[in-house]
Amino acid sequence: MKITRRDFLKGTATTLFLAGFNLPALASSSRKKNLVVIMLRGGMDGLCAVPVIGDKNFEKRRKSILIENAIKLNSDFALHPRLIGFNKCWNDNTGSIVHAASIPYTQRSHFEGQNLMESGGRTPYQEKTGWVGRAMKLANLQGDGLALSLPMPLLLRGIPKNNNYFPGRGRLPRERTLELLRSVYAESSEDELLEMMNYIKKRKNEEMMGGTMRRGKRENKNLARQAATYLRKSDGPRVAVFEVNGFDTHAAQGGVDGSHTKSLVEMDEIINNLKDNLQEAYKDTIILTVTEFGRTIKQNGGNGTEHGYGTAIFMAGGLLKKSQVHTDWPGLKRKELYDGRDLNATIDARSVYASAMSTVFDLDFKRIQKDVFWGEDLQDLSDKLFKA
């Protein structure tokens, strides 16, 4: 049976990962700060989520999939009207957007793009660790972790003792699930998969952390609620990673109620429920999104969009400096587009992620730049986006 990346992207539900348990003792004056990463798999359309206002070049290229009744954020940008939870964050000055950003990858392959969005590198499959895992190791967060997935996502690799558990009703995944995993995580060895299977068998009767199942279905509000419960504990995890699929909308992307919107709403539910359930810990949290690439400016013949380049990053939490759309806007005239078809990326998304981790892990930006991102030419955005 041949399984494609697109089959997997459309066929799986939201999952949750927790890491950074058993912290080293914090000084009484220290604050526990949390990082939540939401991986938006499939290529989130930044111009669907955060459309530009009054640009005729944009409007004429998306006649059938324009977002109507968008919520005005400022004179230049609006917010998708279904992103109600994020709008609440925006209104209380804890929601921000970085627009026209992307990881430095332009080849439009899901396999390669998702590998790089997790590794933080430039060459697909070259790195075996993820940028969050490396930063956690740099910050000496080497306690036990739990990943509700099989295997551990690349994003969190690089820190010892992070365990794996695939949620299920006390039984091993079916062969189709394993086939999907083998296809999606092609770089993982059979020995690693077998090791994960043995671990699942050992843990299958233990209490499942994260509460991901209810009547056989995962619900975003339950995932976010459980993540918040653990994140707000003084000795709980400092990192949570969610995965939301379904952004690969080559057809029937639609407008306000289209398939892309459905995935955006999943993201929004996670943000909203984290905000509500983190309680006081919300003020010491950064929530941010990552995706492999954006979508084309022009809609295709199936009322969808193709793989693109520039996109948007959503951020929420009390550690944000203020609500803002931070961008070096490139414009949407044909000569301003990447390859004449995509929103150009003028901000390296890794600059945002390095700045966020500098804030949460109390690490100097230059250390993260050097030891996590190999000395890449990244911009320190800490003072512009986050509180000290």
Protein backbone atom coordinates (compact mmCIF):
# COMPACT_ATOMS: atom_id res chain seq x y z
CA MET A 1 0.00 0.00 0.00
CA LYS A 2 1.47 3.33 -1.01
CA ILE A 3 0.93 6.12 1.53
CA THR A 4 1.63 9.69 0.52
CA ARG A 5 2.50 12.59 2.78
CA ARG A 6 -0.77 14.21 1.73
CA ASP A 7 -2.75 11.17 2.92
CA PHE A 8 -1.14 11.49 6.33
CA LEU A 9 -1.56 15.26 6.51
CA LYS A 10 -5.28 14.96 5.85
CA GLY A 11 -5.92 11.81 7.81
CA THR A 12 -4.57 12.43 11.31
CA ALA A 13 -5.86 14.35 14.29
CA THR A 14 -4.25 16.89 16.55
CA THR A 15 -1.60 15.44 18.85
CA LEU A 16 0.23 16.74 21.91
CA PHE A 17 3.79 16.39 23.21
CA LEU A 18 5.11 17.46 26.61
CA ALA A 19 8.77 17.83 27.57
CA GLY A 20 11.03 19.28 30.24
CA PHE A 21 9.80 17.51 33.38
CA ASN A 22 11.78 17.19 36.62
CA LEU A 23 13.37 20.59 36.34
CA PRO A 24 16.59 21.44 38.07
CA ALA A 25 15.68 23.29 41.26
CA LEU A 26 14.77 26.86 40.42
CA ALA A 27 15.94 29.66 42.65
CA SER A 28 13.11 31.16 44.66
CA SER A 29 13.40 34.36 42.66
CA SER A 30 13.25 32.57 39.31
CA ARG A 31 10.11 32.31 37.24
CA LYS A 32 9.09 29.17 35.44
CA LYS A 33 8.41 30.16 31.85
CA ASN A 34 6.73 27.97 29.24
CA LEU A 35 7.06 27.52 25.50
CA VAL A 36 4.23 26.06 23.41
CA VAL A 37 4.85 25.28 19.74
CA ILE A 38 1.96 24.46 17.40
CA MET A 39 3.18 22.72 14.25
CA LEU A 40 0.81 23.44 11.37
CA ARG A 41 1.47 20.64 8.93
CA GLY A 42 0.69 21.02 5.25
CA GLY A 43 1.66 24.64 4.61
CA MET A 44 -0.50 27.21 6.39
CA ASP A 45 -1.77 29.98 4.12
CA GLY A 46 -0.68 33.16 5.90
CA LEU A 47 -2.76 35.30 3.56
CA CYS A 48 -5.88 33.31 4.35
CA ALA A 49 -5.29 33.63 8.09
CA VAL A 50 -4.04 37.24 8.01
CA PRO A 51 -5.18 38.84 4.74
CA VAL A 52 -3.77 42.13 3.55
CA ILE A 53 -6.33 44.94 3.32
CA GLY A 54 -7.19 46.69 0.05
CA ASP A 55 -4.56 45.11 -2.21
CA LYS A 56 -6.08 44.69 -5.67
CA ASN A 57 -3.22 42.43 -6.76
CA PHE A 58 -4.28 40.02 -4.04
CA GLU A 59 -8.02 40.30 -4.51
CA LYS A 60 -8.01 39.62 -8.24
CA ARG A 61 -5.94 36.46 -7.77
CA ARG A 62 -8.31 34.99 -5.17
CA LYS A 63 -11.79 35.84 -6.33
CA SER A 64 -13.34 32.55 -5.15
CA ILE A 65 -11.48 32.11 -1.87
CA LEU A 66 -11.28 35.61 -0.44
CA ILE A 67 -11.95 35.90 3.28
CA GLU A 68 -15.02 38.05 3.83
CA ASN A 69 -15.83 39.98 7.00
CA ALA A 70 -12.26 39.75 8.23
CA ILE A 71 -11.49 41.45 11.54
CA LYS A 72 -9.42 44.59 11.03
CA LEU A 73 -6.20 44.53 13.06
CA ASN A 74 -4.61 47.71 11.73
CA SER A 75 -4.65 49.79 8.56
CA ASP A 76 -2.85 47.08 6.57
CA PHE A 77 -3.91 43.66 7.87
CA ALA A 78 -7.00 41.80 9.02
CA LEU A 79 -7.67 38.55 10.86
CA HIS A 80 -9.68 35.57 9.66
CA PRO A 81 -13.12 36.01 11.32
CA ARG A 82 -13.17 32.44 12.67
CA LEU A 83 -10.04 33.01 14.77
CA ILE A 84 -12.09 34.12 17.75
CA GLY A 85 -9.71 32.84 20.41
CA PHE A 86 -6.70 34.57 18.90
CA ASN A 87 -8.72 37.76 18.56
CA LYS A 88 -9.29 37.65 22.33
CA CYS A 89 -5.54 37.50 22.81
CA TRP A 90 -5.09 40.39 20.40
CA ASN A 91 -7.63 42.49 22.25
CA ASP A 92 -5.96 41.98 25.62
CA ASN A 93 -2.51 42.74 24.19
CA THR A 94 -1.23 39.16 24.27
CA GLY A 95 -1.52 38.22 20.60
CA SER A 96 0.93 39.04 17.81
CA ILE A 97 1.66 38.06 14.22
CA VAL A 98 4.91 38.00 12.28
CA HIS A 99 4.01 38.24 8.60
CA ALA A 100 5.99 37.52 5.44
CA ALA A 101 8.16 35.02 7.34
CA SER A 102 9.34 31.49 6.60
CA ILE A 103 12.04 28.99 7.29
CA PRO A 104 14.74 29.27 4.58
CA TYR A 105 13.30 26.57 2.33
CA THR A 106 11.87 27.19 -1.14
CA GLN A 107 11.60 23.78 -2.85
CA ARG A 108 7.97 23.12 -1.83
CA SER A 109 8.31 19.48 -0.74
CA HIS A 110 6.35 18.47 2.38
CA PHE A 111 8.91 15.82 3.28
CA GLU A 112 11.85 18.19 3.08
CA GLY A 113 10.05 21.25 4.39
CA GLN A 114 8.70 19.56 7.50
CA ASN A 115 12.08 18.03 8.24
CA LEU A 116 13.65 21.50 8.09
CA MET A 117 10.91 23.24 10.08
CA GLU A 118 11.68 20.81 12.91
CA SER A 119 15.47 20.57 12.59
CA GLY A 120 16.03 24.26 11.92
CA GLY A 121 18.62 23.42 9.29
CA ARG A 122 19.06 24.22 5.62
CA THR A 123 19.80 20.78 4.16
CA PRO A 124 16.98 18.20 4.40
CA TYR A 125 17.69 15.15 6.58
CA GLN A 126 21.16 16.37 7.52
CA GLU A 127 20.34 17.15 11.16
CA LYS A 128 19.18 14.46 13.59
CA THR A 129 18.02 16.81 16.35
CA GLY A 130 15.44 19.62 16.55
CA TRP A 131 15.83 23.28 17.43
CA VAL A 132 13.66 23.00 20.55
CA GLY A 133 15.53 19.92 21.77
CA ARG A 134 18.91 21.57 21.26
CA ALA A 135 17.82 24.71 23.09
CA MET A 136 16.42 22.67 25.98
CA LYS A 137 19.75 20.87 26.27
CA LEU A 138 21.55 24.22 26.23
CA ALA A 139 19.28 25.36 29.07
CA ASN A 140 20.02 22.16 31.03
CA LEU A 141 16.43 20.94 30.80
CA GLN A 142 17.27 17.25 30.68
CA GLY A 143 14.44 15.76 32.70
CA ASP A 144 11.95 13.16 31.59
CA GLY A 145 9.50 14.05 28.87
CA LEU A 146 6.48 12.39 27.35
CA ALA A 147 5.50 12.50 23.69
CA LEU A 148 2.03 11.39 22.68
CA SER A 149 3.21 10.19 19.29
CA LEU A 150 5.34 7.57 17.60
CA PRO A 151 8.19 8.26 17.25
CA MET A 152 9.40 11.36 19.13
CA PRO A 153 9.05 14.36 16.81
CA LEU A 154 12.33 15.63 15.42
CA LEU A 155 11.57 19.07 16.89
CA LEU A 156 12.15 17.73 20.45
CA ARG A 157 15.06 15.43 19.75
CA GLY A 158 18.42 16.38 21.18
CA ILE A 159 17.52 16.22 24.88
CA PRO A 160 18.01 12.94 26.77
CA LYS A 161 15.26 10.91 28.42
CA ASN A 162 12.28 12.06 26.37
CA ASN A 163 9.98 9.03 26.23
CA ASN A 164 7.38 8.18 23.62
CA TYR A 165 3.84 6.94 23.92
CA PHE A 166 1.29 6.55 21.17
CA PRO A 167 -2.23 7.03 22.58
CA GLY A 168 -4.67 4.20 22.03
CA ARG A 169 -7.30 2.11 23.78
CA GLY A 170 -4.86 -0.28 25.41
CA ARG A 171 -3.75 -1.86 22.17
CA LEU A 172 -0.99 -1.47 19.63
CA PRO A 173 -1.50 0.68 16.54
CA ARG A 174 -2.98 -1.07 13.56
CA GLU A 175 -0.81 -1.99 10.58
CA ARG A 176 -2.20 0.91 8.54
CA THR A 177 -1.07 3.31 11.25
CA LEU A 178 2.39 1.79 11.27
CA GLU A 179 2.51 2.01 7.48
CA LEU A 180 1.66 5.69 7.69
CA LEU A 181 4.36 6.26 10.27
CA ARG A 182 6.96 4.38 8.26
CA SER A 183 6.12 6.53 5.25
CA VAL A 184 6.04 9.85 7.06
CA TYR A 185 9.09 9.19 9.20
CA ALA A 186 11.09 7.51 6.48
CA GLU A 187 14.38 8.52 8.08
CA SER A 188 13.60 6.43 11.20
CA SER A 189 15.03 2.93 11.28
CA GLU A 190 13.01 -0.26 11.72
CA ASP A 191 14.92 -0.84 14.96
CA GLU A 192 13.68 2.47 16.30
CA LEU A 193 10.11 1.66 15.37
CA LEU A 194 10.42 -1.75 17.01
CA GLU A 195 11.77 -0.10 20.14
CA MET A 196 8.78 2.22 20.19
CA MET A 197 6.42 -0.75 19.75
CA ASN A 198 7.97 -2.47 22.74
CA TYR A 199 7.65 0.66 24.80
CA ILE A 200 3.98 0.99 23.85
CA LYS A 201 3.33 -2.60 24.85
CA LYS A 202 4.94 -1.95 28.21
CA ARG A 203 2.93 1.18 28.82
CA LYS A 204 -0.40 0.26 27.27
CA ASN A 205 -2.12 -0.42 30.57
CA GLU A 206 -0.69 2.60 32.33
CA GLU A 207 -2.58 5.83 32.71
CA MET A 208 -2.35 7.91 29.57
CA MET A 209 -1.03 11.36 30.28
CA GLY A 210 -2.67 14.20 28.39
CA GLY A 211 -6.23 12.88 28.20
CA THR A 212 -6.26 12.77 24.44
CA MET A 213 -9.11 10.31 24.01
CA ARG A 214 -12.79 10.85 24.59
CA ARG A 215 -15.28 8.48 23.02
CA GLY A 216 -12.48 7.45 20.68
CA LYS A 217 -11.78 10.98 19.44
CA ARG A 218 -9.18 13.53 20.29
CA GLU A 219 -10.53 16.92 21.15
CA ASN A 220 -8.46 20.06 21.04
CA LYS A 221 -10.01 21.51 24.16
CA ASN A 222 -9.09 18.41 26.15
CA LEU A 223 -5.55 18.39 24.80
CA ALA A 224 -5.06 22.08 25.58
CA ARG A 225 -6.69 21.77 29.00
CA GLN A 226 -4.44 18.90 30.01
CA ALA A 227 -1.34 20.60 28.63
CA ALA A 228 -2.20 23.73 30.61
CA THR A 229 -2.70 21.66 33.77
CA TYR A 230 0.84 20.33 33.55
CA LEU A 231 2.48 23.53 32.28
CA ARG A 232 1.17 25.60 35.17
CA LYS A 233 2.75 23.28 37.77
CA SER A 234 5.99 24.60 39.25
CA ASP A 235 7.65 21.20 38.66
CA GLY A 236 5.80 20.43 35.46
CA PRO A 237 6.98 20.55 31.85
CA ARG A 238 8.19 23.79 30.34
CA VAL A 239 7.55 22.80 26.73
CA ALA A 240 4.43 21.59 24.94
CA VAL A 241 4.22 20.82 21.25
CA PHE A 242 0.98 20.36 19.33
CA GLU A 243 0.54 19.08 15.79
CA VAL A 244 -2.38 20.22 13.63
CA ASN A 245 -2.76 18.75 10.15
CA GLY A 246 -4.87 19.52 7.10
CA PHE A 247 -3.34 22.73 5.72
CA ASP A 248 -2.42 21.19 2.36
CA THR A 249 -5.45 22.61 0.55
CA HIS A 250 -4.85 22.06 -3.16
CA ALA A 251 -8.60 21.94 -3.78
CA ALA A 252 -11.71 23.30 -2.10
CA GLN A 253 -9.72 25.56 0.16
CA GLY A 254 -12.75 27.79 0.32
CA GLY A 255 -13.23 31.10 2.06
CA VAL A 256 -14.54 31.65 5.54
CA ASP A 257 -15.96 28.13 5.84
CA GLY A 258 -13.51 26.18 3.70
CA SER A 259 -11.24 23.27 4.53
CA HIS A 260 -8.31 25.53 5.34
CA THR A 261 -10.51 27.33 7.84
CA LYS A 262 -11.27 24.05 9.59
CA SER A 263 -7.59 23.57 10.36
CA LEU A 264 -7.19 27.19 11.41
CA VAL A 265 -10.05 26.74 13.85
CA GLU A 266 -8.25 23.74 15.37
CA MET A 267 -5.22 25.95 15.94
CA ASP A 268 -7.44 28.67 17.38
CA GLU A 269 -9.13 26.28 19.80
CA ILE A 270 -5.75 25.23 21.15
CA ILE A 271 -4.69 28.85 21.69
CA ASN A 272 -8.02 29.79 23.26
CA ASN A 273 -8.11 26.85 25.66
CA LEU A 274 -4.50 27.28 26.67
CA LYS A 275 -5.22 30.92 27.46
CA ASP A 276 -8.24 30.00 29.58
CA ASN A 277 -6.65 27.08 31.45
CA LEU A 278 -3.08 28.23 32.03
CA GLN A 279 -4.48 30.73 34.54
CA GLU A 280 -1.63 32.74 36.11
CA ALA A 281 0.95 30.76 34.11
CA TYR A 282 -0.34 32.38 30.90
CA LYS A 283 1.55 35.55 31.77
CA ASP A 284 4.80 33.52 31.68
CA THR A 285 4.08 31.65 28.45
CA ILE A 286 4.85 32.06 24.75
CA ILE A 287 2.69 30.17 22.23
CA LEU A 288 3.87 30.21 18.62
CA THR A 289 3.26 28.42 15.33
CA VAL A 290 5.55 26.87 12.76
CA THR A 291 4.73 25.55 9.29
CA GLU A 292 6.86 24.31 6.41
CA PHE A 293 5.84 26.98 3.87
CA GLY A 294 2.95 29.16 2.75
CA ARG A 295 0.65 28.94 -0.26
CA THR A 296 0.60 30.56 -3.69
CA ILE A 297 -0.97 33.99 -4.07
CA LYS A 298 -3.15 32.86 -6.96
CA GLN A 299 -5.88 30.29 -6.51
CA ASN A 300 -5.79 27.27 -8.80
CA GLY A 301 -8.55 25.79 -10.93
CA GLY A 302 -9.86 23.71 -8.04
CA ASN A 303 -10.41 26.72 -5.78
CA GLY A 304 -7.31 25.76 -3.81
CA THR A 305 -3.72 26.93 -3.63
CA GLU A 306 -0.36 25.32 -4.33
CA HIS A 307 2.77 25.14 -2.20
CA GLY A 308 4.35 28.54 -1.72
CA TYR A 309 6.96 30.32 0.38
CA GLY A 310 6.17 33.23 2.73
CA THR A 311 3.55 32.79 5.44
CA ALA A 312 2.65 34.10 8.91
CA ILE A 313 3.59 33.15 12.47
CA PHE A 314 0.95 33.38 15.21
CA MET A 315 2.09 34.14 18.75
CA ALA A 316 0.17 34.44 22.01
CA GLY A 317 0.94 34.66 25.72
CA GLY A 318 1.78 37.08 28.48
CA LEU A 319 5.46 37.24 27.53
CA LEU A 320 4.63 39.09 24.33
CA LYS A 321 5.56 42.75 24.40
CA LYS A 322 2.29 43.89 22.82
CA SER A 323 -0.26 42.98 20.17
CA GLN A 324 1.21 43.83 16.78
CA VAL A 325 1.72 42.69 13.21
CA HIS A 326 5.49 42.70 12.86
CA THR A 327 6.57 42.61 9.22
CA ASP A 328 8.89 43.93 6.55
CA TRP A 329 6.15 43.75 3.96
CA PRO A 330 7.48 42.90 0.49
CA GLY A 331 4.32 43.73 -1.47
CA LEU A 332 2.21 41.57 -3.76
CA LYS A 333 2.94 42.96 -7.20
CA ARG A 334 4.23 40.29 -9.53
CA LYS A 335 7.78 41.66 -9.46
CA GLU A 336 7.67 41.57 -5.64
CA LEU A 337 6.63 37.91 -5.40
CA TYR A 338 9.01 35.03 -4.93
CA ASP A 339 9.35 33.26 -8.30
CA GLY A 340 6.54 35.54 -9.49
CA ARG A 341 3.97 33.47 -7.59
CA ASP A 342 4.52 33.45 -3.81
CA LEU A 343 4.51 35.91 -0.95
CA ASN A 344 8.19 36.59 -0.37
CA ALA A 345 9.67 35.91 3.05
CA THR A 346 11.60 38.89 4.40
CA ILE A 347 11.99 37.51 7.93
CA ASP A 348 13.72 34.23 8.74
CA ALA A 349 11.24 32.42 11.00
CA ARG A 350 14.17 31.02 12.98
CA SER A 351 14.92 34.56 14.18
CA VAL A 352 11.49 34.57 15.84
CA TYR A 353 11.98 31.12 17.36
CA ALA A 354 15.49 31.90 18.63
CA SER A 355 14.22 35.12 20.20
CA ALA A 356 11.30 33.31 21.86
CA MET A 357 13.57 30.62 23.30
CA SER A 358 16.00 33.25 24.53
CA THR A 359 13.11 34.76 26.49
CA VAL A 360 11.64 31.51 27.84
CA PHE A 361 14.87 29.65 28.63
CA ASP A 362 16.75 32.75 29.88
CA LEU A 363 19.56 32.19 27.41
CA ASP A 364 21.54 34.84 25.59
CA PHE A 365 20.33 35.15 22.00
CA LYS A 366 23.87 34.84 20.66
CA ARG A 367 24.32 31.51 22.47
CA ILE A 368 21.17 30.17 20.81
CA GLN A 369 22.27 31.59 17.47
CA LYS A 370 25.66 29.88 17.79
CA ASP A 371 24.81 26.57 19.49
CA VAL A 372 21.27 25.88 18.28
CA PHE A 373 21.35 27.43 14.78
CA TRP A 374 25.06 26.97 13.93
CA GLY A 375 25.88 30.68 13.82
CA GLU A 376 23.31 31.46 11.10
CA ASP A 377 22.74 35.14 10.34
CA LEU A 378 19.61 35.58 12.46
CA GLN A 379 18.05 38.80 13.71
CA ASP A 380 17.55 39.27 17.44
CA LEU A 381 13.88 40.24 17.72
CA SER A 382 13.64 39.76 21.47
CA ASP A 383 13.22 43.44 22.34
CA LYS A 384 10.69 43.98 19.56
CA LEU A 385 8.48 40.98 20.25
CA PHE A 386 8.91 39.82 23.85
CA LYS A 387 9.18 41.01 27.42
CA ALA A 388 12.43 40.56 29.31
